[in-house]
Amino acid sequence: MSELSRRDLMAASLAAGVILPLGTPARAQGKPAELKVGMATFLSGGASVFGVPGRNAAELFIERINRAGGIGGVPVRLIVIDEAPGVDHLVGEIRRLVQSERVDALLTAISSGSCLACAPLNEELGVPTLLWDCGTQRIFEERSYKFVARSQANATPEVLSALLYTLKQKPDFRTIAVINQDYAWGRDSWEIWRTAMEVLKPGVRVVAELFPRLGATDFSTEITRLQALRPDIVFSTSWGGDLDTLIRQAAERRLFERSTFVLALAESSLERVGRTLPAGVIIGARGDHWYLHPTAKDTPAMKEFVAEYKAKTGQVPIYPTFHAQQAVSALKTAYDKAIAANGGNWPSPAQVAAAFKGLEFQTLTSGTMKIREDGQGLEPQLIGTTLHHDSIPHAVMTDMIIVPPELVTTPAGQKSVDWLKTLKPDMLAQVPAPLPFRA
């Protein structure tokens, strides 16, 4: 670089309020040879029963995009990293993806603790990021983001919908216990339930608050205590291998016969635990996700996905696969939107991130979904009660409700706990009528 061009570049940079390192040429945003997308999920450990299906679905839908010509004519390459070693490891991996692999976008992550750590980092790095599965409501309630959005719901609508369903189906319960994993998700989701319950059904006695460690393999102490206390309701938002183990150990000791369980994330465990999960358990799907969805199971898009996913993995899709589909769909739609807004030219990272706000994209269950201006996705919630059906080797859902996101999602600019305290019991009248299971 000549001295003249170096001075000209520095002068232009200073005028624009940007400092460029010497030796770095100014470049127009050209179309890349490939679009690199980093994805954080659990590839090992107990949570891999949840994380690997998410990866499988992301691969499937990216393969579809590439067969159709890519995004804006650019093929997409997915680079997947393991979330299991912990937050410190994940933070280092995210930096590596951005600084060494030079990924163009990120899909992070499953654990709420991971997202709480990575969202500020991804914002700092200036990479368009979709939170593809983590549930913590704190992300957009505690700060605003330019580069980060979420392509699904958060803990508040997921937990509140389960509570509303329980109040409709079991209105006379008087005692409750919680057994949740001891980290951000488990603690926050219990705070949401308890805060809303105290408003919508005051006077319920909490007989036990049990928080086994994340990744626990033995729940005998907790089960013994619940057997002695016999609460009307046992609430849990545990997930993955932890939930599978809890279900098997609770069934072995006949705990399901003593209390009504509300398992807000249990859709993902149905196939793995088979008929060990008895009839009469209230379960949720973290969104309106189920391969036997009451209104979407026979649509061409759902049938094609279920068949393709079974052929790829030998399993039925569970809700992480739907969350992965939503993230891939939202990312492609955002790029298409940003390219169109940029006159057909390849967009900058900031332009892609700006396209997240107000974005509407296709899903397999609700048809379309929207991301709010604050970055939060608006997703319906499917809740039902387990039933055993002769033709299906695992429990299914019946008496299902699909709760609209507008009823149960904290308004933008408010904190969930504060908003929940303003709820009125008459909101129960707005809960949709239940739908039966049809094979």
Protein backbone atom coordinates (compact mmCIF):
# COMPACT_ATOMS: atom_id res chain seq x y z
CA MET A 1 0.00 0.00 0.00
CA SER A 2 1.40 3.40 -0.94
CA GLU A 3 1.77 6.10 1.67
CA LEU A 4 -0.83 8.23 -0.12
CA SER A 5 -3.45 5.50 -0.23
CA ARG A 6 -2.70 4.64 3.40
CA ARG A 7 -3.34 8.25 4.44
CA ASP A 8 -6.48 8.44 2.31
CA LEU A 9 -7.81 5.26 3.87
CA MET A 10 -7.14 6.47 7.40
CA ALA A 11 -8.76 9.84 6.67
CA ALA A 12 -11.88 8.18 5.27
CA SER A 13 -12.03 5.80 8.21
CA LEU A 14 -11.74 8.59 10.75
CA ALA A 15 -14.42 10.58 8.96
CA ALA A 16 -16.74 7.58 9.22
CA GLY A 17 -15.93 7.06 12.89
CA VAL A 18 -14.13 3.75 12.22
CA ILE A 19 -10.55 2.85 12.97
CA LEU A 20 -9.09 0.34 10.52
CA PRO A 21 -5.83 -1.40 11.35
CA LEU A 22 -2.99 -0.38 9.06
CA GLY A 23 -2.51 -2.86 6.28
CA THR A 24 -6.22 -3.79 6.16
CA PRO A 25 -7.72 -2.84 2.79
CA ALA A 26 -11.29 -1.54 2.57
CA ARG A 27 -13.44 -4.21 0.85
CA ALA A 28 -16.94 -4.16 -0.54
CA GLN A 29 -19.26 -6.86 0.84
CA GLY A 30 -19.01 -9.42 -1.96
CA LYS A 31 -20.85 -12.71 -2.29
CA PRO A 32 -18.82 -15.42 -0.49
CA ALA A 33 -17.95 -18.82 -1.93
CA GLU A 34 -19.92 -20.41 0.90
CA LEU A 35 -22.04 -19.32 3.85
CA LYS A 36 -20.57 -20.73 7.05
CA VAL A 37 -23.02 -21.28 9.90
CA GLY A 38 -21.83 -22.35 13.34
CA MET A 39 -24.18 -24.37 15.56
CA ALA A 40 -23.77 -25.14 19.26
CA THR A 41 -25.60 -28.21 20.55
CA PHE A 42 -25.01 -31.18 22.85
CA LEU A 43 -23.15 -33.89 20.95
CA SER A 44 -22.10 -35.90 24.01
CA GLY A 45 -23.34 -36.61 27.52
CA GLY A 46 -26.88 -37.10 28.75
CA ALA A 47 -28.20 -34.10 26.87
CA SER A 48 -27.04 -35.51 23.54
CA VAL A 49 -30.36 -37.39 23.28
CA PHE A 50 -31.74 -33.91 22.80
CA GLY A 51 -28.86 -32.16 21.04
CA VAL A 52 -27.98 -34.70 18.35
CA PRO A 53 -31.54 -34.72 16.94
CA GLY A 54 -31.32 -30.94 16.68
CA ARG A 55 -28.09 -31.24 14.70
CA ASN A 56 -29.58 -33.94 12.49
CA ALA A 57 -32.53 -31.75 11.60
CA ALA A 58 -30.34 -28.72 10.92
CA GLU A 59 -28.25 -30.82 8.54
CA LEU A 60 -31.38 -32.11 6.82
CA PHE A 61 -32.83 -28.67 6.18
CA ILE A 62 -29.52 -27.17 5.10
CA GLU A 63 -29.13 -30.04 2.64
CA ARG A 64 -32.54 -29.09 1.27
CA ILE A 65 -31.47 -25.45 0.90
CA ASN A 66 -28.29 -26.45 -0.91
CA ARG A 67 -30.16 -28.75 -3.28
CA ALA A 68 -32.35 -25.77 -4.16
CA GLY A 69 -29.35 -23.54 -4.92
CA GLY A 70 -28.29 -22.27 -1.50
CA ILE A 71 -29.04 -18.88 0.03
CA GLY A 72 -28.81 -16.14 -2.55
CA GLY A 73 -27.00 -18.62 -4.77
CA VAL A 74 -24.42 -19.41 -2.05
CA PRO A 75 -24.10 -22.94 -0.61
CA VAL A 76 -24.39 -23.26 3.16
CA ARG A 77 -21.86 -25.16 5.29
CA LEU A 78 -22.82 -26.11 8.84
CA ILE A 79 -20.04 -26.32 11.44
CA VAL A 80 -21.24 -27.97 14.67
CA ILE A 81 -19.58 -27.67 18.08
CA ASP A 82 -20.26 -29.59 21.28
CA GLU A 83 -21.88 -27.69 24.12
CA ALA A 84 -21.37 -30.49 26.64
CA PRO A 85 -17.91 -29.57 28.04
CA GLY A 86 -19.35 -26.44 29.68
CA VAL A 87 -19.75 -22.70 29.28
CA ASP A 88 -16.05 -21.79 29.42
CA HIS A 89 -15.28 -24.31 26.68
CA LEU A 90 -18.23 -23.09 24.61
CA VAL A 91 -17.15 -19.46 24.84
CA GLY A 92 -13.71 -20.45 23.54
CA GLU A 93 -15.29 -22.48 20.73
CA ILE A 94 -17.50 -19.56 19.70
CA ARG A 95 -14.47 -17.29 19.49
CA ARG A 96 -12.67 -19.92 17.42
CA LEU A 97 -15.60 -20.24 15.03
CA VAL A 98 -15.72 -16.49 14.49
CA GLN A 99 -12.02 -15.65 14.47
CA SER A 100 -10.52 -18.78 12.85
CA GLU A 101 -13.35 -20.43 10.93
CA ARG A 102 -14.80 -17.01 10.09
CA VAL A 103 -18.43 -18.15 10.32
CA ASP A 104 -21.04 -15.79 8.93
CA ALA A 105 -23.83 -16.66 11.39
CA LEU A 106 -24.37 -18.61 14.61
CA LEU A 107 -27.09 -20.85 16.00
CA THR A 108 -26.62 -21.06 19.78
CA ALA A 109 -27.48 -22.97 22.00
CA ILE A 110 -29.49 -25.48 24.09
CA SER A 111 -28.61 -24.69 27.70
CA SER A 112 -29.95 -21.47 29.17
CA GLY A 113 -26.60 -21.00 30.90
CA SER A 114 -24.89 -21.26 27.51
CA CYS A 115 -27.12 -18.62 25.97
CA LEU A 116 -26.71 -16.23 28.89
CA ALA A 117 -22.95 -16.42 28.38
CA CYS A 118 -22.88 -16.47 24.58
CA ALA A 119 -25.47 -13.84 23.67
CA PRO A 120 -23.35 -10.92 24.96
CA LEU A 121 -20.24 -12.49 23.38
CA ASN A 122 -21.93 -12.92 20.00
CA GLU A 123 -23.11 -9.32 20.18
CA GLU A 124 -19.55 -8.21 20.89
CA LEU A 125 -18.28 -10.24 17.94
CA GLY A 126 -20.92 -8.73 15.64
CA VAL A 127 -22.17 -12.06 14.27
CA PRO A 128 -25.85 -12.55 13.35
CA THR A 129 -27.07 -15.04 15.94
CA LEU A 130 -30.26 -16.99 16.42
CA LEU A 131 -30.89 -18.57 19.82
CA TRP A 132 -32.28 -21.81 18.44
CA ASP A 133 -33.38 -23.69 21.56
CA CYS A 134 -32.47 -22.22 24.97
CA GLY A 135 -35.44 -21.15 27.07
CA THR A 136 -34.25 -18.48 29.48
CA GLN A 137 -36.55 -15.47 29.37
CA ARG A 138 -33.80 -13.25 30.74
CA ILE A 139 -31.98 -12.73 27.42
CA PHE A 140 -34.16 -9.93 26.01
CA GLU A 141 -35.58 -8.81 29.36
CA GLU A 142 -32.24 -7.81 30.85
CA ARG A 143 -30.69 -6.07 27.82
CA SER A 144 -31.25 -5.30 24.16
CA TYR A 145 -29.30 -6.81 21.27
CA LYS A 146 -28.53 -5.74 17.73
CA PHE A 147 -27.14 -9.04 16.45
CA VAL A 148 -29.05 -11.60 18.55
CA ALA A 149 -32.62 -12.87 18.11
CA ARG A 150 -34.55 -15.99 19.10
CA SER A 151 -36.42 -18.22 16.65
CA GLN A 152 -38.67 -19.85 19.26
CA ALA A 153 -40.40 -18.98 22.52
CA ASN A 154 -38.93 -18.71 25.99
CA ALA A 155 -39.66 -20.16 29.41
CA THR A 156 -42.54 -17.84 30.25
CA PRO A 157 -45.08 -18.99 27.61
CA GLU A 158 -43.85 -22.58 27.94
CA VAL A 159 -44.37 -22.70 31.71
CA LEU A 160 -47.44 -20.46 31.88
CA SER A 161 -49.24 -22.57 29.25
CA ALA A 162 -48.59 -25.70 31.32
CA LEU A 163 -49.94 -23.96 34.42
CA LEU A 164 -53.09 -22.77 32.62
CA TYR A 165 -53.70 -26.29 31.32
CA THR A 166 -53.23 -27.75 34.80
CA LEU A 167 -55.67 -25.23 36.28
CA LYS A 168 -58.24 -26.23 33.67
CA GLN A 169 -57.72 -29.98 33.99
CA LYS A 170 -56.97 -30.29 37.73
CA PRO A 171 -58.54 -27.17 39.29
CA ASP A 172 -58.78 -28.59 42.82
CA PHE A 173 -55.09 -29.24 43.53
CA ARG A 174 -53.93 -27.91 46.89
CA THR A 175 -50.29 -29.01 47.22
CA ILE A 176 -47.35 -29.01 44.84
CA ALA A 177 -43.68 -30.00 44.71
CA VAL A 178 -41.06 -29.10 42.12
CA ILE A 179 -38.12 -31.23 40.96
CA ASN A 180 -35.95 -29.25 38.55
CA GLN A 181 -32.36 -29.30 37.37
CA ASP A 182 -30.19 -26.98 39.44
CA TYR A 183 -29.17 -24.29 36.96
CA ALA A 184 -30.64 -21.21 35.30
CA TRP A 185 -33.43 -23.00 33.42
CA GLY A 186 -34.63 -25.05 36.37
CA ARG A 187 -34.58 -22.15 38.82
CA ASP A 188 -36.10 -19.60 36.46
CA SER A 189 -38.90 -21.87 35.23
CA TRP A 190 -39.94 -22.62 38.81
CA GLU A 191 -40.00 -18.90 39.62
CA ILE A 192 -42.29 -18.36 36.61
CA TRP A 193 -44.68 -21.15 37.65
CA ARG A 194 -44.78 -20.14 41.30
CA THR A 195 -45.28 -16.43 40.56
CA ALA A 196 -48.16 -17.11 38.18
CA MET A 197 -49.69 -19.75 40.45
CA GLU A 198 -49.77 -17.36 43.39
CA VAL A 199 -51.82 -14.95 41.27
CA LEU A 200 -54.10 -17.41 39.46
CA LYS A 201 -54.58 -19.90 42.30
CA PRO A 202 -53.48 -18.41 45.62
CA GLY A 203 -53.22 -20.65 48.64
CA VAL A 204 -51.53 -23.67 47.06
CA ARG A 205 -48.98 -25.08 49.50
CA VAL A 206 -45.49 -25.80 48.21
CA VAL A 207 -44.37 -28.92 50.07
CA ALA A 208 -40.94 -29.41 48.48
CA GLU A 209 -38.48 -27.59 46.23
CA LEU A 210 -36.01 -30.16 44.92
CA PHE A 211 -33.12 -29.16 42.66
CA PRO A 212 -30.86 -32.13 41.80
CA ARG A 213 -27.73 -31.29 39.87
CA LEU A 214 -27.79 -31.09 36.09
CA GLY A 215 -26.78 -34.51 34.77
CA ALA A 216 -27.91 -36.45 37.85
CA THR A 217 -28.36 -40.20 37.38
CA ASP A 218 -29.97 -41.13 40.70
CA PHE A 219 -33.19 -39.55 41.96
CA SER A 220 -33.87 -42.01 44.77
CA THR A 221 -33.59 -39.36 47.49
CA GLU A 222 -36.01 -37.01 45.75
CA ILE A 223 -38.45 -39.82 44.92
CA THR A 224 -38.46 -41.07 48.52
CA ARG A 225 -39.31 -37.59 49.74
CA LEU A 226 -42.11 -37.17 47.19
CA GLN A 227 -43.54 -40.55 48.16
CA ALA A 228 -43.75 -39.40 51.75
CA LEU A 229 -45.20 -35.96 50.96
CA ARG A 230 -47.74 -37.13 48.33
CA PRO A 231 -48.25 -33.70 46.70
CA ASP A 232 -51.26 -33.30 44.41
CA ILE A 233 -48.97 -31.98 41.64
CA VAL A 234 -45.31 -32.65 40.87
CA PHE A 235 -43.99 -30.02 38.45
CA SER A 236 -40.79 -30.44 36.47
CA THR A 237 -39.11 -28.75 33.52
CA SER A 238 -36.25 -31.28 33.46
CA TRP A 239 -35.22 -32.47 30.01
CA GLY A 240 -32.95 -34.81 28.07
CA GLY A 241 -31.31 -37.76 29.75
CA ASP A 242 -32.11 -36.36 33.20
CA LEU A 243 -35.85 -36.46 32.47
CA ASP A 244 -35.65 -39.95 30.94
CA THR A 245 -33.97 -41.23 34.10
CA LEU A 246 -36.44 -39.45 36.39
CA ILE A 247 -39.40 -40.95 34.51
CA ARG A 248 -38.00 -44.49 34.66
CA GLN A 249 -37.09 -44.32 38.35
CA ALA A 250 -40.39 -42.65 39.33
CA ALA A 251 -42.37 -45.27 37.40
CA GLU A 252 -40.43 -48.12 38.99
CA ARG A 253 -41.40 -46.84 42.43
CA ARG A 254 -45.00 -46.10 41.36
CA LEU A 255 -44.74 -42.41 42.05
CA PHE A 256 -47.01 -41.56 39.12
CA GLU A 257 -49.85 -43.32 40.96
CA ARG A 258 -49.57 -40.95 43.92
CA SER A 259 -49.35 -37.53 42.25
CA THR A 260 -50.24 -35.87 38.96
CA PHE A 261 -47.02 -35.01 37.15
CA VAL A 262 -46.70 -31.90 34.98
CA LEU A 263 -43.66 -32.42 32.74
CA ALA A 264 -43.44 -29.30 30.63
CA LEU A 265 -40.73 -30.67 28.28
CA ALA A 266 -41.65 -34.35 28.10
CA GLU A 267 -42.60 -34.52 24.42
CA SER A 268 -38.94 -35.09 23.62
CA SER A 269 -38.82 -38.16 25.90
CA LEU A 270 -41.94 -39.99 24.66
CA GLU A 271 -40.28 -42.31 22.15
CA ARG A 272 -37.23 -43.02 24.33
CA VAL A 273 -39.14 -44.01 27.48
CA GLY A 274 -41.92 -45.83 25.61
CA ARG A 275 -44.82 -47.00 27.74
CA THR A 276 -42.86 -46.46 30.94
CA LEU A 277 -44.52 -43.04 31.00
CA PRO A 278 -48.08 -43.83 32.08
CA ALA A 279 -51.36 -42.31 30.99
CA GLY A 280 -52.59 -39.23 32.83
CA VAL A 281 -49.36 -37.20 32.84
CA ILE A 282 -49.56 -33.57 31.68
CA ILE A 283 -46.80 -32.83 29.18
CA GLY A 284 -45.66 -29.95 27.00
CA ALA A 285 -43.76 -29.64 23.74
CA ARG A 286 -41.79 -26.37 24.12
CA GLY A 287 -43.80 -24.81 21.34
CA ASP A 288 -46.47 -26.57 19.32
CA HIS A 289 -44.07 -29.32 18.26
CA TRP A 290 -45.08 -32.94 17.85
CA TYR A 291 -44.88 -35.25 14.88
CA LEU A 292 -48.50 -36.24 15.65
CA HIS A 293 -49.61 -32.60 15.93
CA PRO A 294 -53.43 -32.46 16.04
CA THR A 295 -53.79 -30.08 13.07
CA ALA A 296 -50.46 -30.36 11.21
CA LYS A 297 -49.59 -34.09 11.24
CA ASP A 298 -51.22 -34.75 7.87
CA THR A 299 -49.89 -31.72 6.01
CA PRO A 300 -47.53 -32.48 3.11
CA ALA A 301 -44.67 -30.57 4.80
CA MET A 302 -44.99 -32.55 8.04
CA LYS A 303 -45.35 -35.91 6.31
CA GLU A 304 -42.29 -35.22 4.16
CA PHE A 305 -40.22 -34.15 7.16
CA VAL A 306 -41.21 -37.13 9.32
CA ALA A 307 -40.45 -39.57 6.49
CA GLU A 308 -37.12 -37.93 5.65
CA TYR A 309 -36.05 -37.68 9.29
CA LYS A 310 -36.95 -41.34 9.97
CA ALA A 311 -34.98 -42.40 6.91
CA LYS A 312 -31.97 -40.38 8.11
CA THR A 313 -32.00 -41.39 11.79
CA GLY A 314 -34.39 -44.29 12.34
CA GLN A 315 -36.29 -42.18 14.88
CA VAL A 316 -39.30 -39.90 14.96
CA PRO A 317 -38.57 -36.17 15.19
CA ILE A 318 -38.81 -34.53 18.61
CA TYR A 319 -39.17 -30.85 19.47
CA PRO A 320 -35.45 -29.93 19.18
CA THR A 321 -35.72 -30.94 15.53
CA PHE A 322 -38.57 -28.48 15.03
CA HIS A 323 -36.58 -25.75 16.77
CA ALA A 324 -33.67 -26.48 14.44
CA GLN A 325 -36.00 -26.22 11.44
CA GLN A 326 -37.27 -22.88 12.67
CA ALA A 327 -33.75 -21.54 13.13
CA VAL A 328 -32.66 -22.61 9.65
CA SER A 329 -35.87 -21.26 8.14
CA ALA A 330 -35.49 -17.95 9.98
CA LEU A 331 -31.83 -17.62 8.94
CA LYS A 332 -32.59 -18.23 5.26
CA THR A 333 -35.57 -15.86 5.35
CA ALA A 334 -33.46 -13.17 7.03
CA TYR A 335 -30.75 -13.46 4.37
CA ASP A 336 -33.35 -13.34 1.58
CA LYS A 337 -34.93 -10.28 3.20
CA ALA A 338 -31.56 -8.55 3.67
CA ILE A 339 -30.45 -9.31 0.09
CA ALA A 340 -33.70 -7.85 -1.28
CA ALA A 341 -33.35 -4.75 0.90
CA ASN A 342 -29.76 -4.36 -0.32
CA GLY A 343 -30.76 -4.19 -3.97
CA GLY A 344 -29.87 -7.80 -4.64
CA ASN A 345 -26.32 -7.41 -3.31
CA TRP A 346 -24.84 -9.61 -0.61
CA PRO A 347 -25.71 -8.10 2.80
CA SER A 348 -23.41 -7.15 5.65
CA PRO A 349 -23.71 -8.90 9.03
CA ALA A 350 -25.50 -5.84 10.41
CA GLN A 351 -28.03 -5.95 7.57
CA VAL A 352 -28.73 -9.64 8.20
CA ALA A 353 -29.16 -8.99 11.92
CA ALA A 354 -31.51 -6.09 11.21
CA ALA A 355 -33.64 -8.43 9.10
CA PHE A 356 -34.37 -10.56 12.20
CA LYS A 357 -36.57 -7.83 13.67
CA GLY A 358 -40.16 -8.31 12.59
CA LEU A 359 -39.20 -11.37 10.54
CA GLU A 360 -41.91 -13.85 9.53
CA PHE A 361 -40.80 -17.33 8.48
CA GLN A 362 -42.24 -20.77 7.77
CA THR A 363 -42.63 -23.51 10.40
CA LEU A 364 -43.85 -27.09 10.17
CA THR A 365 -46.64 -26.76 12.72
CA SER A 366 -48.10 -23.25 12.99
CA GLY A 367 -47.43 -22.36 9.34
CA THR A 368 -45.70 -19.05 10.02
CA MET A 369 -43.99 -17.55 13.02
CA LYS A 370 -42.80 -14.04 13.84
CA ILE A 371 -39.81 -12.56 15.65
CA ARG A 372 -40.73 -9.43 17.59
CA GLU A 373 -38.86 -6.14 17.28
CA ASP A 374 -37.06 -6.92 20.55
CA GLY A 375 -35.76 -10.17 19.04
CA GLN A 376 -38.12 -12.55 20.84
CA GLY A 377 -39.92 -15.22 18.81
CA LEU A 378 -43.68 -15.66 19.20
CA GLU A 379 -44.51 -19.36 19.27
CA PRO A 380 -47.74 -21.25 20.08
CA GLN A 381 -47.65 -23.84 22.87
CA LEU A 382 -48.98 -27.40 22.70
CA ILE A 383 -49.94 -29.04 26.00
CA GLY A 384 -51.75 -32.35 26.52
CA THR A 385 -52.30 -35.39 28.72
CA THR A 386 -50.66 -38.75 28.02
CA LEU A 387 -52.66 -41.66 26.69
CA HIS A 388 -51.68 -45.17 25.59
CA HIS A 389 -52.85 -46.16 22.11
CA ASP A 390 -52.74 -49.74 20.80
CA SER A 391 -51.03 -48.84 17.51
CA ILE A 392 -48.22 -46.68 18.95
CA PRO A 393 -45.41 -48.06 21.16
CA HIS A 394 -45.12 -44.96 23.33
CA ALA A 395 -47.47 -42.60 25.14
CA VAL A 396 -49.27 -40.02 23.01
CA MET A 397 -51.08 -36.81 23.88
CA THR A 398 -54.81 -36.27 24.06
CA ASP A 399 -57.03 -33.45 25.36
CA MET A 400 -54.51 -31.13 23.70
CA ILE A 401 -54.65 -27.36 23.69
CA ILE A 402 -52.68 -25.02 21.43
CA VAL A 403 -52.16 -21.77 23.31
CA PRO A 404 -51.68 -18.65 21.16
CA PRO A 405 -48.45 -16.77 21.93
CA GLU A 406 -50.26 -13.47 22.47
CA LEU A 407 -51.97 -14.89 25.57
CA VAL A 408 -48.87 -16.15 27.38
CA THR A 409 -45.85 -14.14 26.16
CA THR A 410 -44.49 -11.30 28.27
CA PRO A 411 -44.98 -7.99 26.41
CA ALA A 412 -41.84 -6.41 24.99
CA GLY A 413 -40.08 -4.11 27.43
CA GLN A 414 -41.39 -5.89 30.54
CA LYS A 415 -39.87 -8.50 32.83
CA SER A 416 -41.70 -11.78 33.14
CA VAL A 417 -41.97 -11.88 36.92
CA ASP A 418 -43.42 -8.37 37.01
CA TRP A 419 -45.88 -9.10 34.19
CA LEU A 420 -47.00 -12.40 35.73
CA LYS A 421 -48.02 -10.57 38.88
CA THR A 422 -50.57 -8.60 36.83
CA LEU A 423 -52.40 -11.67 35.47
CA LYS A 424 -56.10 -12.12 36.20
CA PRO A 425 -57.91 -15.41 36.83
CA ASP A 426 -60.31 -14.66 33.98
CA MET A 427 -57.50 -15.41 31.50
CA LEU A 428 -58.45 -19.07 31.97
CA ALA A 429 -61.55 -18.37 29.90
CA GLN A 430 -59.26 -17.61 26.95
CA VAL A 431 -57.64 -21.04 26.98
CA PRO A 432 -58.70 -22.90 23.81
CA ALA A 433 -60.90 -25.99 23.93
CA PRO A 434 -59.01 -29.31 24.07
CA LEU A 435 -58.49 -31.47 20.98
CA PRO A 436 -58.63 -35.29 21.14
CA PHE A 437 -55.90 -37.59 19.86
CA ARG A 438 -56.55 -39.08 16.43
CA ALA A 439 -54.21 -41.78 15.13
